[in-house]
Amino acid sequence: MTTQTATPTPTHAIGTRDEWLAARLALLDEEKELTRRSDELARRRQELPWVRIDKEYRLTTDEGSASLADLFRGRSQLLVYHFMFGPDYAAGCSSCSSIADGFNGIAIHLANHDVMLTAVSSAPLPKLQAFKQRMGWTFPWASAYESDFQRDFSAHFTEQQQQRDGGIEYNYRREGRWKAVGSDHPVAQFAATSGTDAATYIRERPGVSAFILEDGVVYHTYSTYARGLDAMWGMYQWLDRAPLGRNEKGIWWKHHDRYLPAELRPEARSAAGRSNHNVGHAELRPEVRSAAGRSNLSERQR
């Protein structure tokens, strides 16, 4: 008796190579039009009038107190990522963190093209430094804990603003008064990953602001917020080209060290190093884990 294996039914349209090519060429025309439109929008960004910054901001950096002009570090242009890490957070926002995961690779290229990239947050510098070390980041990160910088650029708001209808203006629009949300709400879920409550979490907001330094004067040239940051969120540019796209069913991303099993996370490795057990850092290295896996496999195969 012959058993026939059922052919799985595809979940998507199936075509010939010629059909695929015809559809791809039609899509290519639209992609090229989008690219041209994007180029035009970039030109219009650069044509926006500059706004002189007369206010004296003092931020805290690894090197000490710094003015806004100091953040340029000898370059004429500055890009600031307004990173959601409030004074009462235990960890940085997981969404901001997934964006910032790409900063190490591009910051050096920008710095060698007359553009300095830095993050700025409302939390005190020691909190930022500890989290930066945990994440393995090297890009500059300044604290505006004792500065109005984040507030003035719509990235930090007070509880009083939050409780007043129209008190918060974010992404160039006024918001209504904050209303409490349940623990299953996305804002509450994000807040939990930062070790805070939803209301406290949402008083920080993400954004990017651009500045130029000319003849010793700093000018504000551009800011974008909310989904204006999509183009800088590296993983989404890749997902938009994957077969299933973003394929999202709720919040799926994490701080990058939280994809690891608990015993392999940095805090577990630190604890292992402090303990009296015979488990040192070497046993937790990838090459040793791989060797252990091969050894166990050999035992099973014997």
C-alpha atoms as a PDB file:
ATOM      1  CA  MET A   1       0.000   0.000   0.000  1.00  0.00           C
ATOM      2  CA  THR A   2       1.455   3.330  -1.013  1.00  0.00           C
ATOM      3  CA  THR A   3       1.070   6.248   1.337  1.00  0.00           C
ATOM      4  CA  GLN A   4       0.765   9.586  -0.415  1.00  0.00           C
ATOM      5  CA  THR A   5       2.105  12.685   1.288  1.00  0.00           C
ATOM      6  CA  ALA A   6      -0.242  15.635   1.047  1.00  0.00           C
ATOM      7  CA  THR A   7       1.153  18.695  -0.690  1.00  0.00           C
ATOM      8  CA  PRO A   8       1.002  21.675   1.659  1.00  0.00           C
ATOM      9  CA  THR A   9      -1.224  24.495   0.495  1.00  0.00           C
ATOM     10  CA  PRO A  10       0.757  27.733   0.095  1.00  0.00           C
ATOM     11  CA  THR A  11      -0.434  30.637   2.198  1.00  0.00           C
ATOM     12  CA  HIS A  12       0.529  33.178  -0.466  1.00  0.00           C
ATOM     13  CA  ALA A  13       0.071  33.677  -4.190  1.00  0.00           C
ATOM     14  CA  ILE A  14       2.364  31.432  -6.249  1.00  0.00           C
ATOM     15  CA  GLY A  15       3.507  32.350  -9.756  1.00  0.00           C
ATOM     16  CA  THR A  16       6.064  31.657 -12.442  1.00  0.00           C
ATOM     17  CA  ARG A  17       9.384  33.453 -12.671  1.00  0.00           C
ATOM     18  CA  ASP A  18       8.026  35.560 -15.547  1.00  0.00           C
ATOM     19  CA  GLU A  19       4.978  36.562 -13.498  1.00  0.00           C
ATOM     20  CA  TRP A  20       7.208  37.431 -10.559  1.00  0.00           C
ATOM     21  CA  LEU A  21       9.500  39.536 -12.764  1.00  0.00           C
ATOM     22  CA  ALA A  22       6.587  41.488 -14.258  1.00  0.00           C
ATOM     23  CA  ALA A  23       5.235  42.273 -10.789  1.00  0.00           C
ATOM     24  CA  ARG A  24       8.705  43.118  -9.511  1.00  0.00           C
ATOM     25  CA  LEU A  25       9.357  45.588 -12.328  1.00  0.00           C
ATOM     26  CA  ALA A  26       6.052  47.325 -11.641  1.00  0.00           C
ATOM     27  CA  LEU A  27       6.973  47.579  -7.975  1.00  0.00           C
ATOM     28  CA  LEU A  28      10.440  48.858  -8.907  1.00  0.00           C
ATOM     29  CA  ASP A  29       8.894  51.849 -10.652  1.00  0.00           C
ATOM     30  CA  GLU A  30       7.027  52.702  -7.437  1.00  0.00           C
ATOM     31  CA  GLU A  31      10.156  52.185  -5.321  1.00  0.00           C
ATOM     32  CA  LYS A  32      12.107  54.544  -7.559  1.00  0.00           C
ATOM     33  CA  GLU A  33       9.359  57.146  -7.267  1.00  0.00           C
ATOM     34  CA  LEU A  34       9.475  56.809  -3.469  1.00  0.00           C
ATOM     35  CA  THR A  35      13.269  57.242  -3.547  1.00  0.00           C
ATOM     36  CA  ARG A  36      12.951  60.396  -5.639  1.00  0.00           C
ATOM     37  CA  ARG A  37      10.272  61.693  -3.289  1.00  0.00           C
ATOM     38  CA  SER A  38      12.504  60.924  -0.298  1.00  0.00           C
ATOM     39  CA  ASP A  39      15.387  62.807  -1.927  1.00  0.00           C
ATOM     40  CA  GLU A  40      13.106  65.806  -2.418  1.00  0.00           C
ATOM     41  CA  LEU A  41      11.979  65.711   1.228  1.00  0.00           C
ATOM     42  CA  ALA A  42      15.615  65.603   2.349  1.00  0.00           C
ATOM     43  CA  ARG A  43      16.313  68.717   0.281  1.00  0.00           C
ATOM     44  CA  ARG A  44      13.330  70.483   1.850  1.00  0.00           C
ATOM     45  CA  ARG A  45      14.541  69.586   5.343  1.00  0.00           C
ATOM     46  CA  GLN A  46      17.822  71.301   4.546  1.00  0.00           C
ATOM     47  CA  GLU A  47      15.931  74.391   3.358  1.00  0.00           C
ATOM     48  CA  LEU A  48      14.133  74.921   6.674  1.00  0.00           C
ATOM     49  CA  PRO A  49      15.102  78.211   8.361  1.00  0.00           C
ATOM     50  CA  TRP A  50      17.618  77.947  11.199  1.00  0.00           C
ATOM     51  CA  VAL A  51      16.595  79.072  14.696  1.00  0.00           C
ATOM     52  CA  ARG A  52      19.318  80.618  16.822  1.00  0.00           C
ATOM     53  CA  ILE A  53      19.788  79.000  20.246  1.00  0.00           C
ATOM     54  CA  ASP A  54      20.494  81.723  22.782  1.00  0.00           C
ATOM     55  CA  LYS A  55      19.651  79.697  25.891  1.00  0.00           C
ATOM     56  CA  GLU A  56      22.668  78.336  27.750  1.00  0.00           C
ATOM     57  CA  TYR A  57      22.200  74.605  28.251  1.00  0.00           C
ATOM     58  CA  ARG A  58      24.510  72.688  30.587  1.00  0.00           C
ATOM     59  CA  LEU A  59      24.555  68.929  30.212  1.00  0.00           C
ATOM     60  CA  THR A  60      26.599  66.272  31.982  1.00  0.00           C
ATOM     61  CA  THR A  61      28.880  64.009  29.948  1.00  0.00           C
ATOM     62  CA  ASP A  62      31.585  61.456  30.685  1.00  0.00           C
ATOM     63  CA  GLU A  63      34.056  64.331  30.399  1.00  0.00           C
ATOM     64  CA  GLY A  64      32.124  66.608  32.779  1.00  0.00           C
ATOM     65  CA  SER A  65      29.808  69.577  32.345  1.00  0.00           C
ATOM     66  CA  ALA A  66      29.251  70.541  28.711  1.00  0.00           C
ATOM     67  CA  SER A  67      27.440  73.208  26.753  1.00  0.00           C
ATOM     68  CA  LEU A  68      25.388  72.368  23.692  1.00  0.00           C
ATOM     69  CA  ALA A  69      28.255  73.687  21.569  1.00  0.00           C
ATOM     70  CA  ASP A  70      30.646  71.289  23.357  1.00  0.00           C
ATOM     71  CA  LEU A  71      28.611  68.326  22.111  1.00  0.00           C
ATOM     72  CA  PHE A  72      29.722  69.099  18.543  1.00  0.00           C
ATOM     73  CA  ARG A  73      33.268  67.974  19.463  1.00  0.00           C
ATOM     74  CA  GLY A  74      34.886  69.971  16.695  1.00  0.00           C
ATOM     75  CA  ARG A  75      32.261  69.207  14.034  1.00  0.00           C
ATOM     76  CA  SER A  76      29.901  71.743  12.514  1.00  0.00           C
ATOM     77  CA  GLN A  77      26.795  69.531  12.701  1.00  0.00           C
ATOM     78  CA  LEU A  78      25.147  67.700  15.590  1.00  0.00           C
ATOM     79  CA  LEU A  79      22.428  65.049  15.607  1.00  0.00           C
ATOM     80  CA  VAL A  80      20.814  64.412  18.983  1.00  0.00           C
ATOM     81  CA  TYR A  81      18.751  61.314  19.694  1.00  0.00           C
ATOM     82  CA  HIS A  82      16.300  62.090  22.503  1.00  0.00           C
ATOM     83  CA  PHE A  83      16.540  58.746  24.300  1.00  0.00           C
ATOM     84  CA  MET A  84      13.680  57.788  26.632  1.00  0.00           C
ATOM     85  CA  PHE A  85      15.429  57.234  29.966  1.00  0.00           C
ATOM     86  CA  GLY A  86      13.756  59.227  32.710  1.00  0.00           C
ATOM     87  CA  PRO A  87      15.097  59.918  36.201  1.00  0.00           C
ATOM     88  CA  ASP A  88      12.785  57.269  37.664  1.00  0.00           C
ATOM     89  CA  TYR A  89      13.534  54.582  35.057  1.00  0.00           C
ATOM     90  CA  ALA A  90      15.576  51.527  36.050  1.00  0.00           C
ATOM     91  CA  ALA A  91      16.579  50.893  32.413  1.00  0.00           C
ATOM     92  CA  GLY A  92      16.358  52.667  29.080  1.00  0.00           C
ATOM     93  CA  CYS A  93      13.277  52.331  26.887  1.00  0.00           C
ATOM     94  CA  SER A  94      13.472  49.050  24.964  1.00  0.00           C
ATOM     95  CA  SER A  95      12.365  50.710  21.710  1.00  0.00           C
ATOM     96  CA  CYS A  96      14.957  53.481  22.013  1.00  0.00           C
ATOM     97  CA  SER A  97      17.495  50.798  22.880  1.00  0.00           C
ATOM     98  CA  SER A  98      16.760  48.816  19.725  1.00  0.00           C
ATOM     99  CA  ILE A  99      17.287  51.996  17.698  1.00  0.00           C
ATOM    100  CA  ALA A 100      20.472  52.856  19.602  1.00  0.00           C
ATOM    101  CA  ASP A 101      21.868  49.371  18.953  1.00  0.00           C
ATOM    102  CA  GLY A 102      22.791  50.688  15.515  1.00  0.00           C
ATOM    103  CA  PHE A 103      24.575  53.832  16.721  1.00  0.00           C
ATOM    104  CA  ASN A 104      27.989  52.290  17.406  1.00  0.00           C
ATOM    105  CA  GLY A 105      28.446  51.322  13.778  1.00  0.00           C
ATOM    106  CA  ILE A 106      27.363  54.601  12.184  1.00  0.00           C
ATOM    107  CA  ALA A 107      28.666  57.149  14.715  1.00  0.00           C
ATOM    108  CA  ILE A 108      32.278  56.833  13.561  1.00  0.00           C
ATOM    109  CA  HIS A 109      31.295  57.347   9.920  1.00  0.00           C
ATOM    110  CA  LEU A 110      29.234  60.428  10.775  1.00  0.00           C
ATOM    111  CA  ALA A 111      32.033  61.834  12.932  1.00  0.00           C
ATOM    112  CA  ASN A 112      34.366  61.594   9.953  1.00  0.00           C
ATOM    113  CA  HIS A 113      31.847  63.428   7.794  1.00  0.00           C
ATOM    114  CA  ASP A 114      31.573  66.515  10.025  1.00  0.00           C
ATOM    115  CA  VAL A 115      28.498  65.220  11.926  1.00  0.00           C
ATOM    116  CA  MET A 116      28.483  64.296  15.614  1.00  0.00           C
ATOM    117  CA  LEU A 117      25.855  61.855  16.863  1.00  0.00           C
ATOM    118  CA  THR A 118      24.973  61.825  20.552  1.00  0.00           C
ATOM    119  CA  ALA A 119      22.117  60.639  22.729  1.00  0.00           C
ATOM    120  CA  VAL A 120      20.599  62.833  25.440  1.00  0.00           C
ATOM    121  CA  SER A 121      18.337  61.647  28.276  1.00  0.00           C
ATOM    122  CA  SER A 122      16.708  63.081  31.377  1.00  0.00           C
ATOM    123  CA  ALA A 123      18.174  60.529  33.786  1.00  0.00           C
ATOM    124  CA  PRO A 124      21.285  61.309  35.860  1.00  0.00           C
ATOM    125  CA  LEU A 125      24.578  60.397  34.198  1.00  0.00           C
ATOM    126  CA  PRO A 126      25.459  57.439  36.506  1.00  0.00           C
ATOM    127  CA  LYS A 127      22.257  55.664  35.405  1.00  0.00           C
ATOM    128  CA  LEU A 128      23.093  56.252  31.755  1.00  0.00           C
ATOM    129  CA  GLN A 129      26.668  55.052  32.213  1.00  0.00           C
ATOM    130  CA  ALA A 130      25.594  51.844  33.933  1.00  0.00           C
ATOM    131  CA  PHE A 131      23.040  51.031  31.246  1.00  0.00           C
ATOM    132  CA  LYS A 132      25.473  51.964  28.476  1.00  0.00           C
ATOM    133  CA  GLN A 133      27.997  49.510  29.916  1.00  0.00           C
ATOM    134  CA  ARG A 134      25.334  46.806  30.171  1.00  0.00           C
ATOM    135  CA  MET A 135      24.412  47.315  26.505  1.00  0.00           C
ATOM    136  CA  GLY A 136      28.016  47.476  25.309  1.00  0.00           C
ATOM    137  CA  TRP A 137      27.545  50.872  23.644  1.00  0.00           C
ATOM    138  CA  THR A 138      30.325  53.397  23.009  1.00  0.00           C
ATOM    139  CA  PHE A 139      28.517  56.365  21.413  1.00  0.00           C
ATOM    140  CA  PRO A 140      28.375  59.644  23.395  1.00  0.00           C
ATOM    141  CA  TRP A 141      25.462  59.977  25.802  1.00  0.00           C
ATOM    142  CA  ALA A 142      24.752  63.118  27.802  1.00  0.00           C
ATOM    143  CA  SER A 143      22.462  63.707  30.769  1.00  0.00           C
ATOM    144  CA  ALA A 144      20.024  66.637  30.818  1.00  0.00           C
ATOM    145  CA  TYR A 145      18.998  65.856  34.397  1.00  0.00           C
ATOM    146  CA  GLU A 146      19.758  69.424  35.532  1.00  0.00           C
ATOM    147  CA  SER A 147      18.906  71.070  32.210  1.00  0.00           C
ATOM    148  CA  ASP A 148      15.794  72.199  30.339  1.00  0.00           C
ATOM    149  CA  PHE A 149      17.141  70.722  27.107  1.00  0.00           C
ATOM    150  CA  GLN A 150      14.821  67.710  26.893  1.00  0.00           C
ATOM    151  CA  ARG A 151      11.801  69.767  27.942  1.00  0.00           C
ATOM    152  CA  ASP A 152      12.526  72.517  25.436  1.00  0.00           C
ATOM    153  CA  PHE A 153      12.746  70.008  22.589  1.00  0.00           C
ATOM    154  CA  SER A 154       9.548  68.121  23.484  1.00  0.00           C
ATOM    155  CA  ALA A 155      11.242  65.019  24.861  1.00  0.00           C
ATOM    156  CA  HIS A 156      10.421  65.370  28.570  1.00  0.00           C
ATOM    157  CA  PHE A 157       7.253  66.538  30.319  1.00  0.00           C
ATOM    158  CA  THR A 158       6.193  67.131  33.910  1.00  0.00           C
ATOM    159  CA  GLU A 159       3.408  65.403  35.809  1.00  0.00           C
ATOM    160  CA  GLN A 160       1.565  68.731  35.910  1.00  0.00           C
ATOM    161  CA  GLN A 161       1.662  68.994  32.120  1.00  0.00           C
ATOM    162  CA  GLN A 162       0.478  65.413  31.851  1.00  0.00           C
ATOM    163  CA  GLN A 163      -2.567  66.040  34.026  1.00  0.00           C
ATOM    164  CA  ARG A 164      -3.663  69.134  32.097  1.00  0.00           C
ATOM    165  CA  ASP A 165      -5.686  68.915  28.890  1.00  0.00           C
ATOM    166  CA  GLY A 166      -3.443  70.185  26.119  1.00  0.00           C
ATOM    167  CA  GLY A 167      -0.519  70.410  28.532  1.00  0.00           C
ATOM    168  CA  ILE A 168       1.706  68.217  26.384  1.00  0.00           C
ATOM    169  CA  GLU A 169       2.663  69.194  22.870  1.00  0.00           C
ATOM    170  CA  TYR A 170       4.456  66.327  21.155  1.00  0.00           C
ATOM    171  CA  ASN A 171       5.078  65.795  17.459  1.00  0.00           C
ATOM    172  CA  TYR A 172       3.673  69.285  16.853  1.00  0.00           C
ATOM    173  CA  ARG A 173       0.238  68.376  18.263  1.00  0.00           C
ATOM    174  CA  ARG A 174      -1.458  68.992  21.595  1.00  0.00           C
ATOM    175  CA  GLU A 175      -2.486  65.922  23.574  1.00  0.00           C
ATOM    176  CA  GLY A 176      -5.388  65.385  25.906  1.00  0.00           C
ATOM    177  CA  ARG A 177      -5.030  64.764  29.617  1.00  0.00           C
ATOM    178  CA  TRP A 178      -3.358  61.474  30.525  1.00  0.00           C
ATOM    179  CA  LYS A 179      -5.725  58.619  31.286  1.00  0.00           C
ATOM    180  CA  ALA A 180      -4.620  55.582  33.267  1.00  0.00           C
ATOM    181  CA  VAL A 181      -4.156  52.331  31.320  1.00  0.00           C
ATOM    182  CA  GLY A 182      -4.253  48.689  32.309  1.00  0.00           C
ATOM    183  CA  SER A 183      -1.227  46.427  32.632  1.00  0.00           C
ATOM    184  CA  ASP A 184      -1.946  44.876  29.224  1.00  0.00           C
ATOM    185  CA  HIS A 185      -1.704  48.226  27.436  1.00  0.00           C
ATOM    186  CA  PRO A 186       1.446  48.621  25.270  1.00  0.00           C
ATOM    187  CA  VAL A 187       2.561  51.703  27.218  1.00  0.00           C
ATOM    188  CA  ALA A 188       2.346  49.731  30.475  1.00  0.00           C
ATOM    189  CA  GLN A 189       4.259  46.838  28.924  1.00  0.00           C
ATOM    190  CA  PHE A 190       7.019  49.152  27.717  1.00  0.00           C
ATOM    191  CA  ALA A 191       7.088  50.824  31.127  1.00  0.00           C
ATOM    192  CA  ALA A 192       7.585  47.463  32.834  1.00  0.00           C
ATOM    193  CA  THR A 193      10.712  46.783  30.764  1.00  0.00           C
ATOM    194  CA  SER A 194      12.100  50.106  32.027  1.00  0.00           C
ATOM    195  CA  GLY A 195      11.157  49.348  35.625  1.00  0.00           C
ATOM    196  CA  THR A 196       8.577  52.093  36.009  1.00  0.00           C
ATOM    197  CA  ASP A 197       4.834  52.763  35.718  1.00  0.00           C
ATOM    198  CA  ALA A 198       3.009  53.839  32.564  1.00  0.00           C
ATOM    199  CA  ALA A 199       2.379  57.466  33.568  1.00  0.00           C
ATOM    200  CA  THR A 200       6.026  58.018  34.509  1.00  0.00           C
ATOM    201  CA  TYR A 201       7.257  56.210  31.425  1.00  0.00           C
ATOM    202  CA  ILE A 202       5.210  58.251  28.940  1.00  0.00           C
ATOM    203  CA  ARG A 203       6.461  61.566  30.319  1.00  0.00           C
ATOM    204  CA  GLU A 204       9.607  60.866  28.308  1.00  0.00           C
ATOM    205  CA  ARG A 205       9.336  60.867  24.507  1.00  0.00           C
ATOM    206  CA  PRO A 206      11.700  59.891  21.651  1.00  0.00           C
ATOM    207  CA  GLY A 207      12.891  62.158  18.896  1.00  0.00           C
ATOM    208  CA  VAL A 208      15.806  63.397  16.825  1.00  0.00           C
ATOM    209  CA  SER A 209      16.959  67.015  16.692  1.00  0.00           C
ATOM    210  CA  ALA A 210      19.567  68.536  14.398  1.00  0.00           C
ATOM    211  CA  PHE A 211      21.810  71.520  15.070  1.00  0.00           C
ATOM    212  CA  ILE A 212      24.538  73.433  13.276  1.00  0.00           C
ATOM    213  CA  LEU A 213      27.414  75.483  14.692  1.00  0.00           C
ATOM    214  CA  GLU A 214      28.415  78.498  12.646  1.00  0.00           C
ATOM    215  CA  ASP A 215      30.719  81.308  13.784  1.00  0.00           C
ATOM    216  CA  GLY A 216      30.353  80.157  17.380  1.00  0.00           C
ATOM    217  CA  VAL A 217      26.549  80.262  17.306  1.00  0.00           C
ATOM    218  CA  VAL A 218      24.354  77.132  17.602  1.00  0.00           C
ATOM    219  CA  TYR A 219      21.202  76.942  15.470  1.00  0.00           C
ATOM    220  CA  HIS A 220      18.364  74.419  15.628  1.00  0.00           C
ATOM    221  CA  THR A 221      17.573  73.131  12.126  1.00  0.00           C
ATOM    222  CA  TYR A 222      15.201  70.156  12.416  1.00  0.00           C
ATOM    223  CA  SER A 223      13.365  67.825  14.797  1.00  0.00           C
ATOM    224  CA  THR A 224      11.260  64.735  14.181  1.00  0.00           C
ATOM    225  CA  TYR A 225       9.298  62.506  16.536  1.00  0.00           C
ATOM    226  CA  ALA A 226       7.095  59.403  16.751  1.00  0.00           C
ATOM    227  CA  ARG A 227       6.954  57.584  13.399  1.00  0.00           C
ATOM    228  CA  GLY A 228       9.320  60.137  11.958  1.00  0.00           C
ATOM    229  CA  LEU A 229      11.940  57.919  13.599  1.00  0.00           C
ATOM    230  CA  ASP A 230      11.002  54.824  11.593  1.00  0.00           C
ATOM    231  CA  ALA A 231      13.675  55.483   8.987  1.00  0.00           C
ATOM    232  CA  MET A 232      16.312  55.418  11.753  1.00  0.00           C
ATOM    233  CA  TRP A 233      14.996  52.191  13.309  1.00  0.00           C
ATOM    234  CA  GLY A 234      17.320  49.816  11.526  1.00  0.00           C
ATOM    235  CA  MET A 235      15.553  46.523  12.173  1.00  0.00           C
ATOM    236  CA  TYR A 236      12.348  47.762  10.564  1.00  0.00           C
ATOM    237  CA  GLN A 237      14.110  48.642   7.315  1.00  0.00           C
ATOM    238  CA  TRP A 238      15.151  44.986   7.096  1.00  0.00           C
ATOM    239  CA  LEU A 239      11.770  43.618   8.207  1.00  0.00           C
ATOM    240  CA  ASP A 240       9.982  45.668   5.543  1.00  0.00           C
ATOM    241  CA  ARG A 241      11.923  43.621   2.987  1.00  0.00           C
ATOM    242  CA  ALA A 242      11.417  40.237   4.636  1.00  0.00           C
ATOM    243  CA  PRO A 243       8.780  37.867   3.155  1.00  0.00           C
ATOM    244  CA  LEU A 244       6.337  38.365   6.037  1.00  0.00           C
ATOM    245  CA  GLY A 245       7.148  42.029   6.657  1.00  0.00           C
ATOM    246  CA  ARG A 246       6.859  43.317  10.204  1.00  0.00           C
ATOM    247  CA  ASN A 247       4.561  40.415  11.104  1.00  0.00           C
ATOM    248  CA  GLU A 248       3.808  41.895  14.513  1.00  0.00           C
ATOM    249  CA  LYS A 249       1.424  40.503  17.078  1.00  0.00           C
ATOM    250  CA  GLY A 250       2.064  42.709  20.062  1.00  0.00           C
ATOM    251  CA  ILE A 251       5.395  43.853  21.451  1.00  0.00           C
ATOM    252  CA  TRP A 252       8.073  41.359  20.479  1.00  0.00           C
ATOM    253  CA  TRP A 253      11.409  43.195  20.786  1.00  0.00           C
ATOM    254  CA  LYS A 254      13.501  43.404  23.965  1.00  0.00           C
ATOM    255  CA  HIS A 255      16.739  44.863  25.250  1.00  0.00           C
ATOM    256  CA  HIS A 256      19.234  42.875  23.222  1.00  0.00           C
ATOM    257  CA  ASP A 257      20.680  41.073  26.262  1.00  0.00           C
ATOM    258  CA  ARG A 258      17.200  39.843  27.207  1.00  0.00           C
ATOM    259  CA  TYR A 259      17.089  37.425  24.300  1.00  0.00           C
ATOM    260  CA  LEU A 260      19.729  35.403  26.157  1.00  0.00           C
ATOM    261  CA  PRO A 261      18.755  32.705  28.662  1.00  0.00           C
ATOM    262  CA  ALA A 262      18.723  34.127  32.191  1.00  0.00           C
ATOM    263  CA  GLU A 263      21.904  32.315  33.214  1.00  0.00           C
ATOM    264  CA  LEU A 264      23.872  33.905  30.375  1.00  0.00           C
ATOM    265  CA  ARG A 265      22.800  37.518  30.911  1.00  0.00           C
ATOM    266  CA  PRO A 266      25.431  40.024  32.085  1.00  0.00           C
ATOM    267  CA  GLU A 267      24.121  40.221  35.638  1.00  0.00           C
ATOM    268  CA  ALA A 268      24.235  36.411  35.919  1.00  0.00           C
ATOM    269  CA  ARG A 269      27.806  36.352  34.643  1.00  0.00           C
ATOM    270  CA  SER A 270      28.758  39.023  37.170  1.00  0.00           C
ATOM    271  CA  ALA A 271      27.120  37.065  39.969  1.00  0.00           C
ATOM    272  CA  ALA A 272      28.898  33.903  38.842  1.00  0.00           C
ATOM    273  CA  GLY A 273      32.208  35.722  38.960  1.00  0.00           C
ATOM    274  CA  ARG A 274      31.546  36.893  42.513  1.00  0.00           C
ATOM    275  CA  SER A 275      30.406  33.512  43.792  1.00  0.00           C
ATOM    276  CA  ASN A 276      32.517  30.756  45.297  1.00  0.00           C
ATOM    277  CA  HIS A 277      31.273  28.242  42.772  1.00  0.00           C
ATOM    278  CA  ASN A 278      33.658  26.758  40.238  1.00  0.00           C
ATOM    279  CA  VAL A 279      31.961  28.597  37.388  1.00  0.00           C
ATOM    280  CA  GLY A 280      34.177  31.344  35.985  1.00  0.00           C
ATOM    281  CA  HIS A 281      33.775  33.675  33.042  1.00  0.00           C
ATOM    282  CA  ALA A 282      35.529  31.227  30.723  1.00  0.00           C
ATOM    283  CA  GLU A 283      32.756  28.649  31.095  1.00  0.00           C
ATOM    284  CA  LEU A 284      30.214  31.215  29.851  1.00  0.00           C
ATOM    285  CA  ARG A 285      32.049  32.205  26.686  1.00  0.00           C
ATOM    286  CA  PRO A 286      30.433  31.175  23.366  1.00  0.00           C
ATOM    287  CA  GLU A 287      33.333  28.987  22.274  1.00  0.00           C
ATOM    288  CA  VAL A 288      33.262  27.074  25.559  1.00  0.00           C
ATOM    289  CA  ARG A 289      29.485  26.624  25.415  1.00  0.00           C
ATOM    290  CA  SER A 290      29.860  25.320  21.865  1.00  0.00           C
ATOM    291  CA  ALA A 291      32.572  22.913  22.943  1.00  0.00           C
ATOM    292  CA  ALA A 292      30.384  21.737  25.804  1.00  0.00           C
ATOM    293  CA  GLY A 293      27.538  21.157  23.400  1.00  0.00           C
ATOM    294  CA  ARG A 294      29.780  19.088  21.101  1.00  0.00           C
ATOM    295  CA  SER A 295      30.996  17.089  24.081  1.00  0.00           C
ATOM    296  CA  ASN A 296      27.463  16.287  25.217  1.00  0.00           C
ATOM    297  CA  LEU A 297      26.530  15.318  21.674  1.00  0.00           C
ATOM    298  CA  SER A 298      29.517  12.978  21.487  1.00  0.00           C
ATOM    299  CA  GLU A 299      28.444  11.327  24.731  1.00  0.00           C
ATOM    300  CA  ARG A 300      24.956  10.721  23.330  1.00  0.00           C
ATOM    301  CA  GLN A 301      26.319   9.334  20.099  1.00  0.00           C
ATOM    302  CA  ARG A 302      28.610   6.827  21.755  1.00  0.00           C
END
